[in-house]
Structure formats: C-alpha cells, structure tokens
C-alpha cells in the first residue's frame, strides 16, 4: 500500500474505495486483481487480512479445483470459521466463495451468522445455461432475508462454450439467463485453465492467453455476446495468470529497456523479468485491448502489478473528459461513500445525450483525434476505472507505479 506522501507524488486523482452495495459498474471494476486462496490453507483469516492490507480488494476462497475431493468438507468448515473470524476483524477485501455445486451455497449460508457482512457473494464454476438457475436461485432467495446483498460471479469454462458447434447457442442462452438475474450478477469470469485443459493445452509463461488461439477465440466470443456496452452486457474479468517464479525462457523478455533506464530502474526491470511478471504485464495490456477488466491471480505479488496497470494515465483521463464534454468536477460524487451514482449517471446529468453527441476534436496531448460518438463507451469505462484506481500525474507512468508498489 502507498503512503499518503507517495500517493500525493504519483496521483493527480487518488484511488477511491468502493462499497460493495454501490453502483455495479464501479464495484465490478473495483474487483481489480481477484486473489484466489484454497479453502484448505492454514490461517485463512490471517491470509485474507494480510492480503487486504497489502492492497487486495477482492479475494475468492476456493472450494473447487484447488481442494482435493477428500478435503471438501474440511474446506467448508474452514470457510465458515473464517467468515465468522473476519466479522470480528474485518478485511478491506471483498470476500467471495467459489463453490463446487449449488448445494454448497445454502450449506455455507446456513452455517454463518444471518447478519454477517464479511461475505460478498459466490463464484459459480462450470456455469451453463442448464445449471445456472440452480446456482443463482439460492443467492436471490438469500437476498430476500439477509440484510447484506450477495453478488454472483459465474465462470464461463464449459465445453459447450469451447466447441464451435455449440458456442453461439450456449452463449446466447447464458446471456438470456444472466439478464433475468441481472440484479445479482457482479461480473462474468473466464475459466481459461479449464478451457485450455479441454484441449490438453497449458500456456507457457513466454506466451499470453491470446497466443493460445483456441482459447483466444472463446474469449472474443464471450466479450462479443456478454460484454456489450449497450445495456445488455456485463463486466468480463481477465483470466488467471498462473506463474509467479522464474522459468527457463526461450524468447526475449517483453519489457523494453528504455523506459526503465530513463528512471534508473534497470535492475527493477530485471527483477520483473526474473519473476515472469513481464508476461503478466503484457497479458494485462491485451486483456484491456480485448474488453476485459481486472484479473484472476493466484499469488499476492501479482495484486499490485494488476492495480498499477488499472490506474488511468492523465492522458487517458483528459481525453475521456473531452469526449464526454464534462469537467473533472462533475465526477466529484461518483462512488463517494457507497453512493449508487455511476459515471454514466454523472455524464447524463451534465453532458449531452449520446444520440446527440458528435464531432471530432484534437487531444489535449496533441497526438490523436478524439471522436465523441464512437469513443463514448470507452470514455465512460475509462472514467469508471479512474474513479476506482485513480489518475496518475502527467509525468508519472505505469513503471513509476510499479516501482512504488511491487516488492523488489
């Protein structure tokens, strides 16, 4: 975590905490690097508290693939005791549980206190049009009796989405189902490990998931159907990055020397490369280019790397404001104190309706043209990310953020 003086040095607009009951676009964007922890890890509550203190905003306690079959009931018991323990020592992280099957949702809810606010929701594996309702109905029912709203994050990872002959039909059926349960859907996650495994593929740390074309085509289809920005879509999160220590490398590192040399951080660049973090950084850039937000991670050292890339540059920020024809002041109340106002609401309150916006204007940075109509959705997503992860100062880039938050 950054000190107050470091935040002042790095940020034009500081990151802002978002309440779980706030606007869904803000909350789903705020997930950032979602850290998965197996339910059978010792001292779960301590791990989650430490993760939150180190910068983690969202944590998933995993009962599914990360837990051996014979240890599942021990995992359920550990989850219940952990959620109870966290109620006495709250974490700054949103805590979710990835269940194996729908029955575990009620099993967990029946065992924890009715008024606990430490559970943010459930992650739903192997989600399909056929099984989805059995996962979602218990969450909807719980929200009618519990004071704190629970959210759901389905994982798209089944063969019917992977295989070309069934992909379109299945994704459109999932879209229809999720729309019916929109009030509880926080974000849609992509199970790249399961999708790869169906083909006997495991990507190398020298490659990104976008180099694995059978899976990359699935991601494109998921975004196409479930990630539309016309009011029918959802935030789609980036798939897991599963490497965290040095591996023998066949190809050149993906980070250029020059930007690190300019700020006297060449040794830091070498450290990133030695931990395969250059591959993670490359994949994060490609995630955003392909319409994904945030990332699933399996190691605490990845969290602040992801969040550094999530921060909005000053150039992006001023371009987004110009596209929407609003001022920075118009965003003052967005996300404040758990408010439900979204960036879209703020824009609609002071700006020109989307249908009436047009024209082209040069960027304040004098390096591109901003087109108001086609760039509108990009601008809203950028300002949503800026509200959560902050805006860097004009002279500060992602490398400066990384050097401030990544353990050397």
Protein backbone atom coordinates (compact mmCIF):
# COMPACT_ATOMS: atom_id res chain seq x y z
CA UNK A 1 0.00 0.00 0.00
CA UNK A 2 1.16 3.52 -0.75
CA UNK A 3 1.82 6.10 1.92
CA UNK A 4 -0.02 9.40 1.79
CA UNK A 5 3.07 11.19 0.50
CA UNK A 6 3.64 8.58 -2.22
CA UNK A 7 0.02 8.86 -3.32
CA UNK A 8 0.36 12.62 -3.50
CA UNK A 9 3.51 12.29 -5.62
CA UNK A 10 2.06 9.73 -8.03
CA UNK A 11 -1.62 10.60 -8.41
CA UNK A 12 -3.46 13.54 -9.89
CA UNK A 13 -6.66 11.89 -8.67
CA UNK A 14 -6.27 9.32 -5.93
CA UNK A 15 -7.83 5.84 -5.93
CA UNK A 16 -11.16 5.59 -4.12
CA UNK A 17 -12.61 2.73 -2.09
CA UNK A 18 -15.96 1.50 -3.39
CA UNK A 19 -18.65 -0.01 -1.16
CA UNK A 20 -19.95 -3.45 -2.16
CA UNK A 21 -23.51 -2.06 -2.33
CA UNK A 22 -22.52 0.74 -4.68
CA UNK A 23 -23.03 1.08 -8.43
CA UNK A 24 -22.43 -2.31 -10.08
CA UNK A 25 -20.05 -0.96 -12.75
CA UNK A 26 -17.90 0.67 -10.07
CA UNK A 27 -17.92 -2.42 -7.85
CA UNK A 28 -17.13 -4.83 -10.67
CA UNK A 29 -14.32 -2.59 -11.88
CA UNK A 30 -13.01 -2.32 -8.32
CA UNK A 31 -12.50 -6.10 -8.15
CA UNK A 32 -9.12 -5.49 -9.76
CA UNK A 33 -6.80 -8.42 -9.09
CA UNK A 34 -9.03 -11.11 -7.59
CA UNK A 35 -6.82 -13.32 -5.44
CA UNK A 36 -7.81 -17.00 -5.21
CA UNK A 37 -6.91 -18.84 -1.99
CA UNK A 38 -7.64 -22.58 -1.48
CA UNK A 39 -10.13 -23.17 1.33
CA UNK A 40 -7.78 -25.68 2.96
CA UNK A 41 -4.94 -23.18 3.51
CA UNK A 42 -3.97 -22.75 7.14
CA UNK A 43 -4.87 -19.47 8.87
CA UNK A 44 -7.27 -18.33 6.14
CA UNK A 45 -8.49 -15.31 8.06
CA UNK A 46 -4.92 -14.08 8.64
CA UNK A 47 -4.09 -14.57 4.95
CA UNK A 48 -7.12 -12.54 3.86
CA UNK A 49 -6.42 -9.73 6.33
CA UNK A 50 -2.79 -9.55 5.19
CA UNK A 51 -3.85 -9.59 1.54
CA UNK A 52 -6.21 -6.69 2.17
CA UNK A 53 -3.57 -4.73 4.00
CA UNK A 54 -1.19 -5.27 1.07
CA UNK A 55 -3.66 -3.94 -1.49
CA UNK A 56 -6.02 -6.78 -2.40
CA UNK A 57 -9.60 -5.61 -2.98
CA UNK A 58 -11.23 -8.96 -3.78
CA UNK A 59 -10.47 -12.47 -2.54
CA UNK A 60 -12.04 -15.79 -3.52
CA UNK A 61 -11.88 -18.70 -1.09
CA UNK A 62 -11.79 -21.67 -3.44
CA UNK A 63 -13.66 -24.90 -2.72
CA UNK A 64 -13.46 -26.24 -6.25
CA UNK A 65 -10.38 -27.29 -8.24
CA UNK A 66 -7.92 -26.07 -5.61
CA UNK A 67 -9.26 -28.51 -2.97
CA UNK A 68 -8.79 -32.32 -3.08
CA UNK A 69 -12.08 -34.23 -3.12
CA UNK A 70 -11.47 -35.78 0.28
CA UNK A 71 -10.92 -32.34 1.87
CA UNK A 72 -14.06 -30.58 0.64
CA UNK A 73 -15.97 -30.78 3.93
CA UNK A 74 -12.93 -29.55 5.81
CA UNK A 75 -12.83 -26.68 3.35
CA UNK A 76 -16.47 -25.79 4.01
CA UNK A 77 -15.82 -25.79 7.76
CA UNK A 78 -12.76 -23.58 7.25
CA UNK A 79 -14.79 -21.11 5.20
CA UNK A 80 -17.46 -20.83 7.88
CA UNK A 81 -14.94 -20.29 10.67
CA UNK A 82 -13.01 -17.80 8.53
CA UNK A 83 -16.09 -15.70 7.73
CA UNK A 84 -17.01 -15.67 11.41
CA UNK A 85 -13.46 -14.66 12.35
CA UNK A 86 -13.42 -11.86 9.79
CA UNK A 87 -16.59 -10.38 11.25
CA UNK A 88 -14.54 -9.55 14.35
CA UNK A 89 -11.52 -8.27 12.40
CA UNK A 90 -12.86 -7.02 9.07
CA UNK A 91 -10.70 -7.13 5.97
CA UNK A 92 -10.70 -4.37 3.38
CA UNK A 93 -11.17 -7.07 0.74
CA UNK A 94 -14.46 -8.24 -0.70
CA UNK A 95 -14.58 -11.96 0.13
CA UNK A 96 -16.28 -14.45 -2.18
CA UNK A 97 -16.59 -18.23 -2.05
CA UNK A 98 -16.17 -20.41 -5.13
CA UNK A 99 -18.41 -23.42 -4.56
CA UNK A 100 -18.30 -26.80 -6.27
CA UNK A 101 -22.04 -27.26 -6.66
CA UNK A 102 -25.21 -25.27 -5.93
CA UNK A 103 -25.94 -27.08 -2.65
CA UNK A 104 -22.84 -25.58 -1.08
CA UNK A 105 -24.33 -22.09 -1.31
CA UNK A 106 -27.06 -22.90 1.21
CA UNK A 107 -24.60 -25.03 3.20
CA UNK A 108 -22.35 -22.01 3.75
CA UNK A 109 -25.21 -19.55 4.29
CA UNK A 110 -26.95 -21.80 6.82
CA UNK A 111 -23.75 -22.09 8.84
CA UNK A 112 -22.76 -18.42 9.08
CA UNK A 113 -24.48 -15.68 11.03
CA UNK A 114 -27.52 -14.24 9.27
CA UNK A 115 -26.27 -10.68 9.62
CA UNK A 116 -22.63 -11.21 8.66
CA UNK A 117 -21.30 -8.64 6.23
CA UNK A 118 -17.99 -10.39 5.55
CA UNK A 119 -19.31 -12.49 2.64
CA UNK A 120 -19.67 -10.52 -0.60
CA UNK A 121 -21.03 -13.37 -2.70
CA UNK A 122 -20.29 -16.56 -4.60
CA UNK A 123 -18.25 -17.56 -7.64
CA UNK A 124 -20.08 -20.12 -9.76
CA UNK A 125 -17.90 -22.65 -11.66
CA UNK A 126 -18.74 -24.54 -14.85
CA UNK A 127 -21.61 -22.12 -15.37
CA UNK A 128 -24.01 -23.06 -18.15
CA UNK A 129 -27.50 -22.28 -19.35
CA UNK A 130 -28.68 -25.63 -17.96
CA UNK A 131 -27.12 -25.36 -14.49
CA UNK A 132 -27.14 -21.60 -13.96
CA UNK A 133 -30.52 -21.25 -12.27
CA UNK A 134 -29.65 -23.82 -9.62
CA UNK A 135 -26.68 -21.63 -8.64
CA UNK A 136 -28.47 -18.29 -8.86
CA UNK A 137 -31.80 -19.06 -7.18
CA UNK A 138 -30.28 -19.65 -3.70
CA UNK A 139 -28.47 -16.30 -3.92
CA UNK A 140 -31.64 -14.48 -4.95
CA UNK A 141 -33.52 -16.18 -2.10
CA UNK A 142 -30.83 -15.26 0.42
CA UNK A 143 -31.07 -11.61 -0.60
CA UNK A 144 -34.72 -11.53 0.47
CA UNK A 145 -33.84 -12.47 4.05
CA UNK A 146 -30.28 -11.24 4.68
CA UNK A 147 -29.52 -7.57 5.39
CA UNK A 148 -26.39 -7.55 3.20
CA UNK A 149 -26.80 -8.19 -0.51
CA UNK A 150 -24.86 -11.08 -2.02
CA UNK A 151 -23.46 -10.97 -5.55
CA UNK A 152 -22.69 -13.72 -8.05
CA UNK A 153 -19.80 -14.17 -10.47
CA UNK A 154 -20.36 -17.03 -12.96
CA UNK A 155 -17.32 -18.60 -14.60
CA UNK A 156 -17.62 -19.42 -18.30
CA UNK A 157 -15.50 -22.53 -18.89
CA UNK A 158 -17.62 -25.43 -20.19
CA UNK A 159 -17.10 -27.47 -23.39
CA UNK A 160 -20.35 -26.13 -24.88
CA UNK A 161 -18.78 -22.67 -24.96
CA UNK A 162 -15.44 -24.01 -26.09
CA UNK A 163 -16.71 -26.09 -29.02
CA UNK A 164 -17.58 -24.20 -32.19
CA UNK A 165 -20.74 -26.16 -32.99
CA UNK A 166 -22.41 -25.24 -29.68
CA UNK A 167 -20.71 -21.95 -28.74
CA UNK A 168 -23.14 -19.40 -30.16
CA UNK A 169 -26.26 -21.15 -28.91
CA UNK A 170 -24.83 -21.64 -25.42
CA UNK A 171 -23.53 -18.08 -25.04
CA UNK A 172 -26.84 -16.57 -26.14
CA UNK A 173 -28.70 -18.85 -23.71
CA UNK A 174 -26.33 -17.78 -20.92
CA UNK A 175 -26.87 -14.12 -21.86
CA UNK A 176 -30.64 -14.55 -21.59
CA UNK A 177 -30.29 -16.28 -18.22
CA UNK A 178 -27.92 -13.67 -16.79
CA UNK A 179 -30.21 -10.87 -17.92
CA UNK A 180 -33.05 -12.44 -15.91
CA UNK A 181 -30.80 -12.43 -12.82
CA UNK A 182 -29.07 -9.10 -13.53
CA UNK A 183 -29.73 -7.79 -10.02
CA UNK A 184 -27.25 -10.26 -8.51
CA UNK A 185 -24.63 -10.54 -11.28
CA UNK A 186 -21.47 -8.61 -10.40
CA UNK A 187 -19.16 -9.76 -13.19
CA UNK A 188 -18.52 -12.65 -15.53
CA UNK A 189 -15.25 -14.56 -15.16
CA UNK A 190 -13.44 -16.67 -17.77
CA UNK A 191 -12.02 -20.08 -16.83
CA UNK A 192 -9.05 -20.15 -19.19
CA UNK A 193 -7.40 -23.05 -17.36
CA UNK A 194 -10.41 -25.35 -17.87
CA UNK A 195 -10.84 -24.16 -21.46
CA UNK A 196 -7.18 -24.88 -22.19
CA UNK A 197 -7.29 -28.20 -20.39
CA UNK A 198 -10.05 -29.49 -22.63
CA UNK A 199 -7.51 -29.40 -25.48
CA UNK A 200 -4.60 -30.64 -23.38
CA UNK A 201 -3.06 -27.16 -23.55
CA UNK A 202 -1.17 -25.26 -20.86
CA UNK A 203 0.29 -21.96 -21.96
CA UNK A 204 3.97 -21.25 -21.43
CA UNK A 205 5.00 -18.19 -19.36
CA UNK A 206 6.59 -16.79 -22.51
CA UNK A 207 3.10 -16.61 -24.06
CA UNK A 208 -0.13 -14.81 -23.24
CA UNK A 209 -3.53 -16.42 -23.37
CA UNK A 210 -4.10 -14.53 -26.63
CA UNK A 211 -1.33 -16.60 -28.24
CA UNK A 212 -3.38 -19.73 -27.50
CA UNK A 213 -5.80 -19.31 -30.39
CA UNK A 214 -8.44 -21.92 -29.45
CA UNK A 215 -8.94 -20.13 -26.12
CA UNK A 216 -8.48 -16.62 -27.51
CA UNK A 217 -11.36 -17.26 -29.91
CA UNK A 218 -13.57 -18.21 -26.96
CA UNK A 219 -12.65 -15.01 -25.12
CA UNK A 220 -13.56 -13.00 -28.20
CA UNK A 221 -16.95 -14.72 -28.39
CA UNK A 222 -17.65 -14.22 -24.67
CA UNK A 223 -16.92 -10.50 -24.96
CA UNK A 224 -18.97 -10.28 -28.15
CA UNK A 225 -22.09 -11.74 -26.53
CA UNK A 226 -21.75 -10.95 -22.80
CA UNK A 227 -19.59 -7.81 -22.79
CA UNK A 228 -21.65 -5.46 -24.94
CA UNK A 229 -21.89 -1.83 -23.82
CA UNK A 230 -25.48 -1.31 -24.91
CA UNK A 231 -27.05 -2.09 -21.54
CA UNK A 232 -27.25 -5.84 -22.19
CA UNK A 233 -23.71 -6.78 -21.17
CA UNK A 234 -21.59 -7.26 -18.06
CA UNK A 235 -18.04 -6.59 -16.93
CA UNK A 236 -15.87 -9.50 -18.08
CA UNK A 237 -12.76 -10.16 -16.00
CA UNK A 238 -9.36 -11.26 -17.27
CA UNK A 239 -8.40 -14.94 -16.98
CA UNK A 240 -5.88 -16.25 -14.47
CA UNK A 241 -2.13 -15.69 -14.71
CA UNK A 242 -0.65 -18.79 -13.06
CA UNK A 243 3.12 -18.18 -12.99
CA UNK A 244 4.96 -16.42 -10.19
CA UNK A 245 8.60 -17.56 -10.19
CA UNK A 246 11.39 -17.74 -12.73
CA UNK A 247 11.19 -20.28 -15.56
CA UNK A 248 13.68 -21.09 -18.25
CA UNK A 249 12.98 -18.74 -21.12
CA UNK A 250 13.10 -19.37 -24.86
CA UNK A 251 12.10 -15.89 -26.04
CA UNK A 252 13.15 -12.35 -25.26
CA UNK A 253 11.54 -10.57 -22.31
CA UNK A 254 8.51 -8.48 -23.21
CA UNK A 255 9.63 -5.28 -21.45
CA UNK A 256 11.69 -2.66 -23.27
CA UNK A 257 14.83 -1.39 -21.54
CA UNK A 258 14.46 2.29 -22.39
CA UNK A 259 11.56 3.32 -20.10
CA UNK A 260 13.31 1.70 -17.12
CA UNK A 261 16.66 3.22 -17.99
CA UNK A 262 15.09 6.68 -18.09
CA UNK A 263 14.11 6.44 -14.42
CA UNK A 264 17.19 4.49 -13.31
CA UNK A 265 15.23 1.26 -12.78
CA UNK A 266 17.03 -1.25 -14.99
CA UNK A 267 17.62 -3.58 -12.05
CA UNK A 268 13.95 -3.41 -11.24
CA UNK A 269 13.13 -4.40 -14.82
CA UNK A 270 15.40 -7.43 -14.46
CA UNK A 271 13.58 -8.33 -11.25
CA UNK A 272 10.22 -8.22 -13.03
CA UNK A 273 11.55 -10.44 -15.80
CA UNK A 274 13.03 -12.93 -13.34
CA UNK A 275 9.57 -13.42 -11.79
CA UNK A 276 7.75 -13.75 -15.15
CA UNK A 277 5.92 -10.50 -14.40
CA UNK A 278 6.72 -9.14 -17.84
CA UNK A 279 4.37 -11.79 -19.25
CA UNK A 280 1.65 -10.76 -16.81
CA UNK A 281 2.08 -7.10 -17.78
CA UNK A 282 1.80 -7.94 -21.46
CA UNK A 283 -1.33 -10.01 -20.89
CA UNK A 284 -2.93 -7.22 -18.83
CA UNK A 285 -2.49 -4.81 -21.72
CA UNK A 286 -4.04 -7.35 -24.09
CA UNK A 287 -6.89 -8.01 -21.65
CA UNK A 288 -7.91 -4.38 -21.77
CA UNK A 289 -7.46 -4.19 -25.53
CA UNK A 290 -9.91 -7.09 -25.80
CA UNK A 291 -12.54 -5.60 -23.49
CA UNK A 292 -11.67 -7.29 -20.18
CA UNK A 293 -11.29 -5.65 -16.77
CA UNK A 294 -9.22 -6.83 -13.81
CA UNK A 295 -7.59 -10.25 -13.47
CA UNK A 296 -7.73 -13.54 -11.63
CA UNK A 297 -4.44 -14.09 -9.76
CA UNK A 298 -3.06 -16.87 -7.59
CA UNK A 299 -0.20 -15.08 -5.84
CA UNK A 300 -0.22 -11.95 -3.66
CA UNK A 301 2.73 -10.45 -5.56
CA UNK A 302 0.51 -10.11 -8.63
CA UNK A 303 -2.10 -7.91 -6.98
CA UNK A 304 -0.35 -4.54 -7.11
CA UNK A 305 1.04 -5.28 -10.57
CA UNK A 306 -2.53 -5.58 -11.81
CA UNK A 307 -3.66 -2.48 -9.94
CA UNK A 308 -0.77 -0.43 -11.32
CA UNK A 309 -1.91 -1.25 -14.84
CA UNK A 310 -5.53 -0.50 -13.88
CA UNK A 311 -4.66 3.09 -12.94
CA UNK A 312 -5.65 5.62 -15.59
CA UNK A 313 -2.99 7.83 -17.13
CA UNK A 314 -3.52 11.57 -17.12
CA UNK A 315 -3.63 11.47 -20.91
CA UNK A 316 -6.46 8.91 -20.93
CA UNK A 317 -8.30 10.93 -18.31
CA UNK A 318 -8.30 14.26 -20.12
CA UNK A 319 -9.21 12.54 -23.40
CA UNK A 320 -12.17 10.81 -21.72
CA UNK A 321 -13.42 14.07 -20.20
CA UNK A 322 -13.16 15.78 -23.57
CA UNK A 323 -15.04 13.00 -25.37
CA UNK A 324 -17.90 13.27 -22.86
CA UNK A 325 -17.75 17.08 -22.70
CA UNK A 326 -17.68 17.14 -18.89
CA UNK A 327 -15.32 18.52 -16.28
CA UNK A 328 -13.43 16.70 -13.57
CA UNK A 329 -15.66 18.42 -11.02
CA UNK A 330 -18.69 16.63 -12.49
CA UNK A 331 -17.26 13.34 -11.18
CA UNK A 332 -16.83 14.53 -7.60
CA UNK A 333 -19.65 12.46 -6.09
CA UNK A 334 -19.29 9.30 -8.17
CA UNK A 335 -18.65 6.35 -5.87
CA UNK A 336 -18.33 8.53 -2.77
CA UNK A 337 -19.44 6.91 0.46
CA UNK A 338 -21.08 3.94 -1.26
CA UNK A 339 -23.23 6.17 -3.46
CA UNK A 340 -25.07 4.40 -6.25
CA UNK A 341 -24.39 7.06 -8.84
CA UNK A 342 -22.40 5.74 -11.79
CA UNK A 343 -20.19 7.56 -14.27
CA UNK A 344 -22.98 7.16 -16.81
CA UNK A 345 -25.41 8.88 -14.42
CA UNK A 346 -22.97 11.72 -13.85
CA UNK A 347 -22.43 12.16 -17.59
CA UNK A 348 -26.15 12.09 -18.32
CA UNK A 349 -26.78 14.68 -15.60
CA UNK A 350 -24.43 17.29 -17.06
CA UNK A 351 -23.47 16.17 -20.55
CA UNK A 352 -25.19 15.81 -23.90
CA UNK A 353 -27.25 12.66 -24.59
CA UNK A 354 -25.30 10.03 -26.53
CA UNK A 355 -27.56 10.27 -29.59
CA UNK A 356 -26.87 13.99 -29.92
CA UNK A 357 -23.11 13.86 -29.48
CA UNK A 358 -20.84 14.03 -32.46
CA UNK A 359 -17.75 15.63 -33.87
CA UNK A 360 -14.00 15.27 -33.64
CA UNK A 361 -11.57 17.25 -31.51
CA UNK A 362 -7.80 17.09 -31.04
CA UNK A 363 -6.43 15.60 -27.86
CA UNK A 364 -5.02 18.00 -25.31
CA UNK A 365 -1.86 15.91 -25.67
CA UNK A 366 -1.71 16.80 -29.39
CA UNK A 367 -1.10 13.22 -30.51
CA UNK A 368 -4.51 11.90 -31.57
CA UNK A 369 -8.07 12.80 -32.54
CA UNK A 370 -10.94 12.07 -30.17
CA UNK A 371 -14.25 11.20 -31.81
CA UNK A 372 -17.10 11.85 -29.43
CA UNK A 373 -19.65 9.32 -30.64
CA UNK A 374 -17.53 6.16 -31.22
CA UNK A 375 -15.28 6.85 -28.20
CA UNK A 376 -18.14 7.46 -25.75
CA UNK A 377 -18.29 3.94 -24.29
CA UNK A 378 -14.50 3.86 -23.97
CA UNK A 379 -14.59 7.19 -22.15
CA UNK A 380 -17.21 6.02 -19.65
CA UNK A 381 -15.26 2.84 -18.91
CA UNK A 382 -12.06 4.87 -18.54
CA UNK A 383 -13.63 7.31 -16.07
CA UNK A 384 -15.13 4.40 -14.12
CA UNK A 385 -11.66 2.91 -13.82
CA UNK A 386 -10.27 6.33 -12.90
CA UNK A 387 -12.78 6.65 -10.06
CA UNK A 388 -11.63 3.36 -8.56
CA UNK A 389 -7.90 3.16 -9.36
CA UNK A 390 -7.05 6.82 -9.67
CA UNK A 391 -5.39 9.00 -12.29
CA UNK A 392 -1.62 9.39 -12.43
CA UNK A 393 0.09 12.73 -12.67
CA UNK A 394 1.08 13.82 -16.19
CA UNK A 395 4.73 12.93 -15.66
CA UNK A 396 4.01 9.56 -14.00
CA UNK A 397 3.70 6.32 -15.96
CA UNK A 398 2.95 2.72 -15.08
CA UNK A 399 6.64 1.98 -14.47
CA UNK A 400 6.78 4.60 -11.71
CA UNK A 401 3.71 3.00 -10.11
CA UNK A 402 5.27 -0.45 -10.35
CA UNK A 403 8.49 0.69 -8.72
CA UNK A 404 6.45 2.13 -5.83
CA UNK A 405 4.22 -0.88 -5.13
CA UNK A 406 6.00 -4.05 -6.30
CA UNK A 407 8.26 -5.76 -3.79
CA UNK A 408 11.82 -5.64 -5.07
